Amino acid sequence: MQIEILLSAENDILNAITFYDKQSSGVGSYFLDTIMSDIESLHIYAGIHVRIWGYHRLLSKRFPFSIYYTTEDDTVYIYAILDNRREPLFAKERLVTAGNQI
């Protein structure tokens, strides 16, 4: 299984790293390691997660973030990595715009 992180999700990761590094030095790197580990788990578990707004949602193990993805043939497309502490309508609106990337 191939995993493709789309530009919108890459930007989400960079924004979160910046946010966590402002909180405390090194936390951004820990966030990146954790999210990448969660993403790597999709090699095994892609497609088993609950579907919300047309996307599968994987909850991060260590941070309050969700990874929104779809599967097509042998590829996982990651559209967004969003903070669960935000208003749910933000996620819905964000995913509507993210769907135009492939």
PDB file of N, CA and C in Angstrom:
ATOM      1  N   MET A   1       0.852  -1.173   0.000  1.00  0.00           N
ATOM      2  CA  MET A   1       0.000   0.000   0.000  1.00  0.00           C
ATOM      3  C   MET A   1       0.898   1.236   0.000  1.00  0.00           C
ATOM      4  N   GLN A   2       0.592   2.160  -0.900  1.00  0.00           N
ATOM      5  CA  GLN A   2       1.321   3.420  -0.997  1.00  0.00           C
ATOM      6  C   GLN A   2       0.535   4.496  -0.261  1.00  0.00           C
ATOM      7  N   ILE A   3       1.245   5.394   0.405  1.00  0.00           N
ATOM      8  CA  ILE A   3       0.596   6.490   1.130  1.00  0.00           C
ATOM      9  C   ILE A   3       1.061   7.807   0.531  1.00  0.00           C
ATOM     10  N   GLU A   4       0.083   8.637   0.170  1.00  0.00           N
ATOM     11  CA  GLU A   4       0.387   9.950  -0.392  1.00  0.00           C
ATOM     12  C   GLU A   4      -0.205  11.027   0.511  1.00  0.00           C
ATOM     13  N   ILE A   5       0.666  11.869   1.044  1.00  0.00           N
ATOM     14  CA  ILE A   5       0.234  12.988   1.882  1.00  0.00           C
ATOM     15  C   ILE A   5       0.082  14.196   0.971  1.00  0.00           C
ATOM     16  N   LEU A   6      -1.149  14.661   0.817  1.00  0.00           N
ATOM     17  CA  LEU A   6      -1.418  15.780  -0.072  1.00  0.00           C
ATOM     18  C   LEU A   6      -0.958  17.098   0.554  1.00  0.00           C
ATOM     19  N   LEU A   7      -0.809  18.099  -0.279  1.00  0.00           N
ATOM     20  CA  LEU A   7      -0.261  19.391   0.151  1.00  0.00           C
ATOM     21  C   LEU A   7      -1.036  19.988   1.321  1.00  0.00           C
ATOM     22  N   SER A   8      -2.347  19.880   1.297  1.00  0.00           N
ATOM     23  CA  SER A   8      -3.150  20.446   2.391  1.00  0.00           C
ATOM     24  C   SER A   8      -2.800  19.783   3.724  1.00  0.00           C
ATOM     25  N   ALA A   9      -2.574  18.478   3.717  1.00  0.00           N
ATOM     26  CA  ALA A   9      -2.203  17.764   4.941  1.00  0.00           C
ATOM     27  C   ALA A   9      -0.780  18.114   5.368  1.00  0.00           C
ATOM     28  N   GLU A  10       0.120  18.289   4.400  1.00  0.00           N
ATOM     29  CA  GLU A  10       1.475  18.714   4.740  1.00  0.00           C
ATOM     30  C   GLU A  10       1.445  20.071   5.443  1.00  0.00           C
ATOM     31  N   ASN A  11       0.618  20.976   4.932  1.00  0.00           N
ATOM     32  CA  ASN A  11       0.483  22.299   5.563  1.00  0.00           C
ATOM     33  C   ASN A  11      -0.093  22.176   6.974  1.00  0.00           C
ATOM     34  N   ASP A  12      -1.053  21.266   7.153  1.00  0.00           N
ATOM     35  CA  ASP A  12      -1.604  21.032   8.496  1.00  0.00           C
ATOM     36  C   ASP A  12      -0.511  20.586   9.462  1.00  0.00           C
ATOM     37  N   ILE A  13       0.353  19.696   9.000  1.00  0.00           N
ATOM     38  CA  ILE A  13       1.448  19.200   9.841  1.00  0.00           C
ATOM     39  C   ILE A  13       2.390  20.346  10.206  1.00  0.00           C
ATOM     40  N   LEU A  14       2.777  21.138   9.219  1.00  0.00           N
ATOM     41  CA  LEU A  14       3.698  22.254   9.479  1.00  0.00           C
ATOM     42  C   LEU A  14       3.105  23.266  10.457  1.00  0.00           C
ATOM     43  N   ASN A  15       1.818  23.552  10.293  1.00  0.00           N
ATOM     44  CA  ASN A  15       1.161  24.486  11.220  1.00  0.00           C
ATOM     45  C   ASN A  15       1.141  23.934  12.639  1.00  0.00           C
ATOM     46  N   ALA A  16       0.877  22.647  12.782  1.00  0.00           N
ATOM     47  CA  ALA A  16       0.845  22.036  14.114  1.00  0.00           C
ATOM     48  C   ALA A  16       2.239  22.000  14.738  1.00  0.00           C
ATOM     49  N   ILE A  17       3.252  21.706  13.942  1.00  0.00           N
ATOM     50  CA  ILE A  17       4.629  21.711  14.456  1.00  0.00           C
ATOM     51  C   ILE A  17       4.980  23.096  14.984  1.00  0.00           C
ATOM     52  N   THR A  18       4.649  24.121  14.217  1.00  0.00           N
ATOM     53  CA  THR A  18       4.914  25.499  14.637  1.00  0.00           C
ATOM     54  C   THR A  18       4.191  25.808  15.942  1.00  0.00           C
ATOM     55  N   PHE A  19       2.923  25.431  16.025  1.00  0.00           N
ATOM     56  CA  PHE A  19       2.139  25.666  17.236  1.00  0.00           C
ATOM     57  C   PHE A  19       2.782  24.992  18.442  1.00  0.00           C
ATOM     58  N   TYR A  20       3.131  23.705  18.322  1.00  0.00           N
ATOM     59  CA  TYR A  20       3.682  22.978  19.469  1.00  0.00           C
ATOM     60  C   TYR A  20       5.086  23.449  19.834  1.00  0.00           C
ATOM     61  N   ASP A  21       5.885  23.851  18.859  1.00  0.00           N
ATOM     62  CA  ASP A  21       7.217  24.377  19.184  1.00  0.00           C
ATOM     63  C   ASP A  21       7.131  25.706  19.938  1.00  0.00           C
ATOM     64  N   LYS A  22       6.080  26.483  19.688  1.00  0.00           N
ATOM     65  CA  LYS A  22       5.886  27.719  20.448  1.00  0.00           C
ATOM     66  C   LYS A  22       5.514  27.421  21.898  1.00  0.00           C
ATOM     67  N   GLN A  23       4.880  26.271  22.128  1.00  0.00           N
ATOM     68  CA  GLN A  23       4.501  25.887  23.486  1.00  0.00           C
ATOM     69  C   GLN A  23       5.724  25.462  24.290  1.00  0.00           C
ATOM     70  N   SER A  24       6.567  24.634  23.663  1.00  0.00           N
ATOM     71  CA  SER A  24       7.764  24.136  24.337  1.00  0.00           C
ATOM     72  C   SER A  24       8.708  23.547  23.288  1.00  0.00           C
ATOM     73  N   SER A  25       9.981  23.855  23.415  1.00  0.00           N
ATOM     74  CA  SER A  25      10.968  23.392  22.453  1.00  0.00           C
ATOM     75  C   SER A  25      10.994  21.861  22.370  1.00  0.00           C
ATOM     76  N   GLY A  26      10.972  21.349  21.159  1.00  0.00           N
ATOM     77  CA  GLY A  26      11.050  19.906  20.944  1.00  0.00           C
ATOM     78  C   GLY A  26       9.713  19.205  20.816  1.00  0.00           C
ATOM     79  N   VAL A  27       8.640  19.845  21.252  1.00  0.00           N
ATOM     80  CA  VAL A  27       7.325  19.203  21.178  1.00  0.00           C
ATOM     81  C   VAL A  27       6.875  19.083  19.724  1.00  0.00           C
ATOM     82  N   GLY A  28       7.247  20.028  18.887  1.00  0.00           N
ATOM     83  CA  GLY A  28       6.903  19.954  17.465  1.00  0.00           C
ATOM     84  C   GLY A  28       7.509  18.728  16.805  1.00  0.00           C
ATOM     85  N   SER A  29       8.749  18.420  17.145  1.00  0.00           N
ATOM     86  CA  SER A  29       9.403  17.221  16.600  1.00  0.00           C
ATOM     87  C   SER A  29       8.721  15.956  17.089  1.00  0.00           C
ATOM     88  N   TYR A  30       8.329  15.957  18.357  1.00  0.00           N
ATOM     89  CA  TYR A  30       7.604  14.812  18.911  1.00  0.00           C
ATOM     90  C   TYR A  30       6.257  14.645  18.222  1.00  0.00           C
ATOM     91  N   PHE A  31       5.575  15.767  17.959  1.00  0.00           N
ATOM     92  CA  PHE A  31       4.319  15.725  17.222  1.00  0.00           C
ATOM     93  C   PHE A  31       4.533  15.090  15.851  1.00  0.00           C
ATOM     94  N   LEU A  32       5.560  15.544  15.119  1.00  0.00           N
ATOM     95  CA  LEU A  32       5.839  15.012  13.787  1.00  0.00           C
ATOM     96  C   LEU A  32       6.091  13.509  13.850  1.00  0.00           C
ATOM     97  N   ASP A  33       6.924  13.070  14.788  1.00  0.00           N
ATOM     98  CA  ASP A  33       7.207  11.640  14.928  1.00  0.00           C
ATOM     99  C   ASP A  33       5.938  10.843  15.192  1.00  0.00           C
ATOM    100  N   THR A  34       5.096  11.379  16.065  1.00  0.00           N
ATOM    101  CA  THR A  34       3.856  10.689  16.419  1.00  0.00           C
ATOM    102  C   THR A  34       2.903  10.607  15.233  1.00  0.00           C
ATOM    103  N   ILE A  35       2.713  11.715  14.543  1.00  0.00           N
ATOM    104  CA  ILE A  35       1.804  11.730  13.392  1.00  0.00           C
ATOM    105  C   ILE A  35       2.317  10.808  12.293  1.00  0.00           C
ATOM    106  N   MET A  36       3.617  10.822  12.047  1.00  0.00           N
ATOM    107  CA  MET A  36       4.169   9.946  11.006  1.00  0.00           C
ATOM    108  C   MET A  36       4.005   8.472  11.385  1.00  0.00           C
ATOM    109  N   SER A  37       4.125   8.157  12.654  1.00  0.00           N
ATOM    110  CA  SER A  37       3.877   6.788  13.107  1.00  0.00           C
ATOM    111  C   SER A  37       2.414   6.405  12.881  1.00  0.00           C
ATOM    112  N   ASP A  38       1.508   7.323  13.201  1.00  0.00           N
ATOM    113  CA  ASP A  38       0.085   7.075  12.954  1.00  0.00           C
ATOM    114  C   ASP A  38      -0.169   6.846  11.463  1.00  0.00           C
ATOM    115  N   ILE A  39       0.444   7.666  10.633  1.00  0.00           N
ATOM    116  CA  ILE A  39       0.274   7.541   9.181  1.00  0.00           C
ATOM    117  C   ILE A  39       0.838   6.212   8.694  1.00  0.00           C
ATOM    118  N   GLU A  40       1.992   5.824   9.201  1.00  0.00           N
ATOM    119  CA  GLU A  40       2.593   4.544   8.796  1.00  0.00           C
ATOM    120  C   GLU A  40       1.700   3.357   9.145  1.00  0.00           C
ATOM    121  N   SER A  41       0.898   3.489  10.211  1.00  0.00           N
ATOM    122  CA  SER A  41      -0.003   2.399  10.586  1.00  0.00           C
ATOM    123  C   SER A  41      -1.042   2.127   9.500  1.00  0.00           C
ATOM    124  N   LEU A  42      -1.248   3.093   8.608  1.00  0.00           N
ATOM    125  CA  LEU A  42      -2.207   2.911   7.532  1.00  0.00           C
ATOM    126  C   LEU A  42      -1.757   1.855   6.524  1.00  0.00           C
ATOM    127  N   HIS A  43      -0.479   1.517   6.514  1.00  0.00           N
ATOM    128  CA  HIS A  43      -0.025   0.413   5.664  1.00  0.00           C
ATOM    129  C   HIS A  43      -0.761  -0.877   6.033  1.00  0.00           C
ATOM    130  N   ILE A  44      -1.108  -0.997   7.295  1.00  0.00           N
ATOM    131  CA  ILE A  44      -1.793  -2.198   7.781  1.00  0.00           C
ATOM    132  C   ILE A  44      -3.296  -1.967   7.937  1.00  0.00           C
ATOM    133  N   TYR A  45      -3.674  -0.814   8.467  1.00  0.00           N
ATOM    134  CA  TYR A  45      -5.055  -0.593   8.897  1.00  0.00           C
ATOM    135  C   TYR A  45      -5.886   0.326   8.003  1.00  0.00           C
ATOM    136  N   ALA A  46      -5.405   0.675   6.831  1.00  0.00           N
ATOM    137  CA  ALA A  46      -6.157   1.591   5.964  1.00  0.00           C
ATOM    138  C   ALA A  46      -7.539   1.026   5.642  1.00  0.00           C
ATOM    139  N   GLY A  47      -8.522   1.882   5.771  1.00  0.00           N
ATOM    140  CA  GLY A  47      -9.883   1.519   5.406  1.00  0.00           C
ATOM    141  C   GLY A  47     -10.751   1.004   6.532  1.00  0.00           C
ATOM    142  N   ILE A  48     -10.178   0.769   7.723  1.00  0.00           N
ATOM    143  CA  ILE A  48     -10.984   0.218   8.819  1.00  0.00           C
ATOM    144  C   ILE A  48     -11.585   1.303   9.713  1.00  0.00           C
ATOM    145  N   HIS A  49     -11.160   2.512   9.547  1.00  0.00           N
ATOM    146  CA  HIS A  49     -11.593   3.602  10.426  1.00  0.00           C
ATOM    147  C   HIS A  49     -12.970   4.130  10.032  1.00  0.00           C
ATOM    148  N   VAL A  50     -13.639   4.715  10.990  1.00  0.00           N
ATOM    149  CA  VAL A  50     -14.976   5.270  10.780  1.00  0.00           C
ATOM    150  C   VAL A  50     -14.929   6.304   9.652  1.00  0.00           C
ATOM    151  N   ARG A  51     -16.016   6.361   8.883  1.00  0.00           N
ATOM    152  CA  ARG A  51     -16.111   7.341   7.800  1.00  0.00           C
ATOM    153  C   ARG A  51     -16.935   8.533   8.265  1.00  0.00           C
ATOM    154  N   ILE A  52     -16.375   9.717   8.029  1.00  0.00           N
ATOM    155  CA  ILE A  52     -17.043  10.976   8.372  1.00  0.00           C
ATOM    156  C   ILE A  52     -16.909  11.909   7.177  1.00  0.00           C
ATOM    157  N   TRP A  53     -18.028  12.424   6.699  1.00  0.00           N
ATOM    158  CA  TRP A  53     -18.042  13.365   5.581  1.00  0.00           C
ATOM    159  C   TRP A  53     -17.315  12.816   4.349  1.00  0.00           C
ATOM    160  N   GLY A  54     -17.382  11.512   4.147  1.00  0.00           N
ATOM    161  CA  GLY A  54     -16.773  10.892   2.967  1.00  0.00           C
ATOM    162  C   GLY A  54     -15.320  10.502   3.123  1.00  0.00           C
ATOM    163  N   TYR A  55     -14.746  10.677   4.302  1.00  0.00           N
ATOM    164  CA  TYR A  55     -13.342  10.347   4.563  1.00  0.00           C
ATOM    165  C   TYR A  55     -13.261   9.375   5.734  1.00  0.00           C
ATOM    166  N   HIS A  56     -12.234   8.539   5.714  1.00  0.00           N
ATOM    167  CA  HIS A  56     -11.929   7.754   6.903  1.00  0.00           C
ATOM    168  C   HIS A  56     -11.235   8.682   7.888  1.00  0.00           C
ATOM    169  N   ARG A  57     -11.473   8.474   9.191  1.00  0.00           N
ATOM    170  CA  ARG A  57     -10.836   9.303  10.211  1.00  0.00           C
ATOM    171  C   ARG A  57     -10.049   8.427  11.173  1.00  0.00           C
ATOM    172  N   LEU A  58      -8.742   8.624  11.177  1.00  0.00           N
ATOM    173  CA  LEU A  58      -7.831   7.956  12.106  1.00  0.00           C
ATOM    174  C   LEU A  58      -7.506   8.939  13.216  1.00  0.00           C
ATOM    175  N   LEU A  59      -7.756   8.546  14.462  1.00  0.00           N
ATOM    176  CA  LEU A  59      -7.417   9.394  15.601  1.00  0.00           C
ATOM    177  C   LEU A  59      -5.965   9.158  15.991  1.00  0.00           C
ATOM    178  N   SER A  60      -5.219  10.240  16.161  1.00  0.00           N
ATOM    179  CA  SER A  60      -3.830  10.128  16.593  1.00  0.00           C
ATOM    180  C   SER A  60      -3.770   9.558  18.006  1.00  0.00           C
ATOM    181  N   LYS A  61      -2.730   8.787  18.258  1.00  0.00           N
ATOM    182  CA  LYS A  61      -2.606   8.137  19.563  1.00  0.00           C
ATOM    183  C   LYS A  61      -2.181   9.093  20.678  1.00  0.00           C
ATOM    184  N   ARG A  62      -1.384  10.097  20.380  1.00  0.00           N
ATOM    185  CA  ARG A  62      -0.812  10.938  21.429  1.00  0.00           C
ATOM    186  C   ARG A  62      -1.294  12.384  21.442  1.00  0.00           C
ATOM    187  N   PHE A  63      -1.774  12.869  20.331  1.00  0.00           N
ATOM    188  CA  PHE A  63      -2.192  14.267  20.228  1.00  0.00           C
ATOM    189  C   PHE A  63      -3.664  14.316  19.822  1.00  0.00           C
ATOM    190  N   PRO A  64      -4.362  15.405  20.147  1.00  0.00           N
ATOM    191  CA  PRO A  64      -5.788  15.503  19.822  1.00  0.00           C
ATOM    192  C   PRO A  64      -6.012  15.893  18.357  1.00  0.00           C
ATOM    193  N   PHE A  65      -5.542  15.058  17.454  1.00  0.00           N
ATOM    194  CA  PHE A  65      -5.645  15.302  16.028  1.00  0.00           C
ATOM    195  C   PHE A  65      -6.276  14.111  15.331  1.00  0.00           C
ATOM    196  N   SER A  66      -6.951  14.408  14.233  1.00  0.00           N
ATOM    197  CA  SER A  66      -7.521  13.373  13.371  1.00  0.00           C
ATOM    198  C   SER A  66      -6.859  13.444  12.007  1.00  0.00           C
ATOM    199  N   ILE A  67      -6.635  12.277  11.426  1.00  0.00           N
ATOM    200  CA  ILE A  67      -6.067  12.160  10.094  1.00  0.00           C
ATOM    201  C   ILE A  67      -7.196  11.707   9.172  1.00  0.00           C
ATOM    202  N   TYR A  68      -7.537  12.534   8.192  1.00  0.00           N
ATOM    203  CA  TYR A  68      -8.625  12.238   7.266  1.00  0.00           C
ATOM    204  C   TYR A  68      -8.029  11.746   5.953  1.00  0.00           C
ATOM    205  N   TYR A  69      -8.502  10.579   5.498  1.00  0.00           N
ATOM    206  CA  TYR A  69      -7.929   9.964   4.310  1.00  0.00           C
ATOM    207  C   TYR A  69      -8.977   9.184   3.527  1.00  0.00           C
ATOM    208  N   THR A  70      -8.625   8.872   2.285  1.00  0.00           N
ATOM    209  CA  THR A  70      -9.417   7.974   1.456  1.00  0.00           C
ATOM    210  C   THR A  70      -8.488   6.894   0.919  1.00  0.00           C
ATOM    211  N   THR A  71      -9.086   5.825   0.434  1.00  0.00           N
ATOM    212  CA  THR A  71      -8.304   4.771  -0.209  1.00  0.00           C
ATOM    213  C   THR A  71      -8.814   4.595  -1.630  1.00  0.00           C
ATOM    214  N   GLU A  72      -7.891   4.369  -2.530  1.00  0.00           N
ATOM    215  CA  GLU A  72      -8.235   4.133  -3.924  1.00  0.00           C
ATOM    216  C   GLU A  72      -7.214   3.153  -4.483  1.00  0.00           C
ATOM    217  N   ASP A  73      -7.697   2.001  -4.904  1.00  0.00           N
ATOM    218  CA  ASP A  73      -6.833   0.913  -5.364  1.00  0.00           C
ATOM    219  C   ASP A  73      -5.829   0.600  -4.254  1.00  0.00           C
ATOM    220  N   ASP A  74      -4.544   0.761  -4.518  1.00  0.00           N
ATOM    221  CA  ASP A  74      -3.513   0.464  -3.519  1.00  0.00           C
ATOM    222  C   ASP A  74      -2.884   1.732  -2.950  1.00  0.00           C
ATOM    223  N   THR A  75      -3.619   2.828  -2.945  1.00  0.00           N
ATOM    224  CA  THR A  75      -3.075   4.093  -2.461  1.00  0.00           C
ATOM    225  C   THR A  75      -3.980   4.697  -1.395  1.00  0.00           C
ATOM    226  N   VAL A  76      -3.348   5.218  -0.357  1.00  0.00           N
ATOM    227  CA  VAL A  76      -4.035   5.982   0.677  1.00  0.00           C
ATOM    228  C   VAL A  76      -3.705   7.445   0.425  1.00  0.00           C
ATOM    229  N   TYR A  77      -4.746   8.280   0.306  1.00  0.00           N
ATOM    230  CA  TYR A  77      -4.567   9.714   0.120  1.00  0.00           C
ATOM    231  C   TYR A  77      -4.943  10.418   1.411  1.00  0.00           C
ATOM    232  N   ILE A  78      -3.988  11.117   2.002  1.00  0.00           N
ATOM    233  CA  ILE A  78      -4.237  11.856   3.235  1.00  0.00           C
ATOM    234  C   ILE A  78      -4.552  13.304   2.860  1.00  0.00           C
ATOM    235  N   TYR A  79      -5.767  13.729   3.200  1.00  0.00           N
ATOM    236  CA  TYR A  79      -6.259  15.047   2.817  1.00  0.00           C
ATOM    237  C   TYR A  79      -6.050  16.096   3.900  1.00  0.00           C
ATOM    238  N   ALA A  80      -6.198  15.709   5.156  1.00  0.00           N
ATOM    239  CA  ALA A  80      -6.134  16.706   6.219  1.00  0.00           C
ATOM    240  C   ALA A  80      -5.706  16.042   7.524  1.00  0.00           C
ATOM    241  N   ILE A  81      -5.037  16.835   8.354  1.00  0.00           N
ATOM    242  CA  ILE A  81      -4.664  16.425   9.703  1.00  0.00           C
ATOM    243  C   ILE A  81      -5.095  17.583  10.593  1.00  0.00           C
ATOM    244  N   LEU A  82      -6.236  17.386  11.269  1.00  0.00           N
ATOM    245  CA  LEU A  82      -6.896  18.504  11.933  1.00  0.00           C
ATOM    246  C   LEU A  82      -6.973  18.329  13.441  1.00  0.00           C
ATOM    247  N   ASP A  83      -6.897  19.451  14.125  1.00  0.00           N
ATOM    248  CA  ASP A  83      -6.978  19.506  15.578  1.00  0.00           C
ATOM    249  C   ASP A  83      -8.421  19.244  16.012  1.00  0.00           C
ATOM    250  N   ASN A  84      -8.622  18.259  16.850  1.00  0.00           N
ATOM    251  CA  ASN A  84      -9.969  17.899  17.312  1.00  0.00           C
ATOM    252  C   ASN A  84     -10.565  18.923  18.269  1.00  0.00           C
ATOM    253  N   ARG A  85      -9.758  19.862  18.746  1.00  0.00           N
ATOM    254  CA  ARG A  85     -10.260  20.876  19.673  1.00  0.00           C
ATOM    255  C   ARG A  85     -10.971  22.018  18.952  1.00  0.00           C
ATOM    256  N   ARG A  86     -10.903  22.023  17.641  1.00  0.00           N
ATOM    257  CA  ARG A  86     -11.570  23.079  16.859  1.00  0.00           C
ATOM    258  C   ARG A  86     -13.038  22.738  16.668  1.00  0.00           C
ATOM    259  N   GLU A  87     -13.785  23.726  16.265  1.00  0.00           N
ATOM    260  CA  GLU A  87     -15.209  23.569  15.967  1.00  0.00           C
ATOM    261  C   GLU A  87     -15.390  22.482  14.890  1.00  0.00           C
ATOM    262  N   PRO A  88     -16.279  21.520  15.088  1.00  0.00           N
ATOM    263  CA  PRO A  88     -16.477  20.457  14.092  1.00  0.00           C
ATOM    264  C   PRO A  88     -16.828  20.971  12.692  1.00  0.00           C
ATOM    265  N   LEU A  89     -17.548  22.078  12.607  1.00  0.00           N
ATOM    266  CA  LEU A  89     -17.882  22.622  11.294  1.00  0.00           C
ATOM    267  C   LEU A  89     -16.635  23.083  10.536  1.00  0.00           C
ATOM    268  N   PHE A  90     -15.586  23.475  11.259  1.00  0.00           N
ATOM    269  CA  PHE A  90     -14.328  23.831  10.600  1.00  0.00           C
ATOM    270  C   PHE A  90     -13.794  22.628   9.837  1.00  0.00           C
ATOM    271  N   ALA A  91     -13.801  21.465  10.478  1.00  0.00           N
ATOM    272  CA  ALA A  91     -13.302  20.250   9.833  1.00  0.00           C
ATOM    273  C   ALA A  91     -14.131  19.921   8.595  1.00  0.00           C
ATOM    274  N   LYS A  92     -15.423  20.012   8.723  1.00  0.00           N
ATOM    275  CA  LYS A  92     -16.300  19.696   7.592  1.00  0.00           C
ATOM    276  C   LYS A  92     -16.027  20.623   6.410  1.00  0.00           C
ATOM    277  N   GLU A  93     -15.955  21.927   6.671  1.00  0.00           N
ATOM    278  CA  GLU A  93     -15.683  22.887   5.598  1.00  0.00           C
ATOM    279  C   GLU A  93     -14.306  22.684   4.999  1.00  0.00           C
ATOM    280  N   ARG A  94     -13.345  22.400   5.840  1.00  0.00           N
ATOM    281  CA  ARG A  94     -11.964  22.175   5.390  1.00  0.00           C
ATOM    282  C   ARG A  94     -11.879  20.956   4.480  1.00  0.00           C
ATOM    283  N   LEU A  95     -12.616  19.901   4.824  1.00  0.00           N
ATOM    284  CA  LEU A  95     -12.581  18.676   4.034  1.00  0.00           C
ATOM    285  C   LEU A  95     -13.286  18.840   2.687  1.00  0.00           C
ATOM    286  N   VAL A  96     -14.282  19.700   2.638  1.00  0.00           N
ATOM    287  CA  VAL A  96     -14.955  19.966   1.369  1.00  0.00           C
ATOM    288  C   VAL A  96     -13.956  20.576   0.384  1.00  0.00           C
ATOM    289  N   THR A  97     -13.131  21.507   0.845  1.00  0.00           N
ATOM    290  CA  THR A  97     -12.141  22.124  -0.045  1.00  0.00           C
ATOM    291  C   THR A  97     -10.971  21.193  -0.324  1.00  0.00           C
ATOM    292  N   ALA A  98     -10.633  20.329   0.623  1.00  0.00           N
ATOM    293  CA  ALA A  98      -9.504  19.403   0.430  1.00  0.00           C
ATOM    294  C   ALA A  98      -9.808  18.354  -0.607  1.00  0.00           C
ATOM    295  N   GLY A  99     -11.073  18.040  -0.809  1.00  0.00           N
ATOM    296  CA  GLY A  99     -11.445  16.982  -1.744  1.00  0.00           C
ATOM    297  C   GLY A  99     -11.114  17.253  -3.192  1.00  0.00           C
ATOM    298  N   ASN A 100     -10.730  18.458  -3.523  1.00  0.00           N
ATOM    299  CA  ASN A 100     -10.435  18.819  -4.908  1.00  0.00           C
ATOM    300  C   ASN A 100      -8.966  18.658  -5.285  1.00  0.00           C
ATOM    301  N   GLN A 101      -8.176  17.964  -4.502  1.00  0.00           N
ATOM    302  CA  GLN A 101      -6.738  17.947  -4.699  1.00  0.00           C
ATOM    303  C   GLN A 101      -6.213  16.873  -5.649  1.00  0.00           C
ATOM    304  N   ILE A 102      -6.923  15.783  -5.776  1.00  0.00           N
ATOM    305  CA  ILE A 102      -6.370  14.692  -6.604  1.00  0.00           C
ATOM    306  C   ILE A 102      -6.652  14.961  -8.075  1.00  0.00           C
TER     307      ILE A 102
END
